Amino acid sequence: MVKRRLIVNDVTVEKLGELLKENPRGLLLVRDELASFLANLERKEYQSERSFYLTAFNGDKSILCMVEQNNGKNKMRGGRQ
């Protein structure tokens, strides 16, 4: 049985994608410093995060792919969120 969550705080977009997959009714992302969170999303190095949050806000599905390192071997895993 998967433990359901309602609220997340300090989470990467990759982990957030996994949590959203486990919680199809959605989650509440609580941020202490909303202004800095939004300012960071404007930075060039946060383009993928900005895209993820905009897609999630619209209720659209996204595809997350990440490289997982296990015993020195890399493997891709991904899925539609």
Protein backbone atom coordinates (compact mmCIF):
# COMPACT_ATOMS: atom_id res chain seq x y z
CA MET A 1 0.00 0.00 0.00
CA VAL A 2 1.32 3.42 -0.99
CA LYS A 3 1.22 6.08 1.71
CA ARG A 4 -0.75 9.07 0.40
CA ARG A 5 0.58 12.58 0.89
CA LEU A 6 -1.12 15.93 0.81
CA ILE A 7 1.72 18.39 1.38
CA VAL A 8 5.33 18.56 0.17
CA ASN A 9 7.93 21.20 0.93
CA ASP A 10 11.58 20.85 -0.10
CA VAL A 11 11.45 18.49 -3.09
CA THR A 12 13.15 18.17 -6.48
CA VAL A 13 11.01 18.15 -9.60
CA GLU A 14 12.06 14.56 -10.24
CA LYS A 15 10.82 13.41 -6.84
CA LEU A 16 7.74 15.62 -7.16
CA GLY A 17 6.92 13.84 -10.43
CA GLU A 18 7.11 10.47 -8.66
CA LEU A 19 4.95 11.73 -5.79
CA LEU A 20 2.34 13.12 -8.20
CA LYS A 21 2.20 9.75 -9.93
CA GLU A 22 1.45 8.12 -6.55
CA ASN A 23 -1.08 10.85 -5.64
CA PRO A 24 -3.28 11.43 -8.72
CA ARG A 25 -5.57 13.81 -6.81
CA GLY A 26 -2.65 16.22 -6.44
CA LEU A 27 -0.38 17.69 -3.80
CA LEU A 28 0.09 21.05 -2.12
CA LEU A 29 3.60 22.46 -2.55
CA VAL A 30 4.39 24.71 0.42
CA ARG A 31 7.31 27.10 0.03
CA ASP A 32 8.57 29.35 2.82
CA GLU A 33 10.23 31.84 0.48
CA LEU A 34 7.79 32.21 -2.42
CA ALA A 35 9.52 35.28 -3.86
CA SER A 36 12.90 33.52 -4.11
CA PHE A 37 11.25 30.38 -5.52
CA LEU A 38 9.62 32.41 -8.30
CA ALA A 39 12.80 34.43 -8.90
CA ASN A 40 14.82 31.22 -9.30
CA LEU A 41 12.39 29.93 -11.92
CA GLU A 42 13.29 32.96 -14.06
CA ARG A 43 16.97 31.95 -14.14
CA LYS A 44 18.27 30.15 -17.23
CA GLU A 45 19.55 27.12 -15.31
CA TYR A 46 16.02 26.48 -13.98
CA GLN A 47 14.31 26.26 -17.40
CA SER A 48 13.35 22.60 -17.03
CA GLU A 49 11.92 23.20 -13.55
CA ARG A 50 9.91 26.18 -14.82
CA SER A 51 8.56 24.06 -17.67
CA PHE A 52 7.59 21.27 -15.26
CA TYR A 53 5.73 23.61 -12.89
CA LEU A 54 3.89 25.37 -15.75
CA THR A 55 2.85 22.03 -17.23
CA ALA A 56 1.69 20.79 -13.83
CA PHE A 57 -0.21 24.04 -13.18
CA ASN A 58 -2.11 23.55 -16.44
CA GLY A 59 -2.96 20.00 -15.44
CA ASP A 60 -1.12 18.56 -18.44
CA LYS A 61 0.94 15.39 -18.39
CA SER A 62 4.72 15.54 -18.64
CA ILE A 63 7.47 13.03 -19.27
CA LEU A 64 10.26 12.92 -16.71
CA CYS A 65 13.47 11.14 -17.59
CA MET A 66 16.38 10.92 -15.24
CA VAL A 67 19.65 9.07 -15.00
CA GLU A 68 19.96 6.84 -11.98
CA GLN A 69 23.39 5.66 -10.89
CA ASN A 70 23.46 2.20 -9.35
CA ASN A 71 26.80 0.52 -8.56
CA GLY A 72 28.62 2.68 -11.08
CA LYS A 73 26.16 1.88 -13.89
CA ASN A 74 23.85 4.50 -15.32
CA LYS A 75 20.35 3.64 -16.38
CA MET A 76 17.55 5.79 -17.71
CA ARG A 77 14.17 5.69 -16.17
CA GLY A 78 11.24 7.81 -16.99
CA GLY A 79 7.54 7.85 -17.29
CA ARG A 80 4.57 9.94 -18.06
CA GLN A 81 3.30 11.92 -15.10
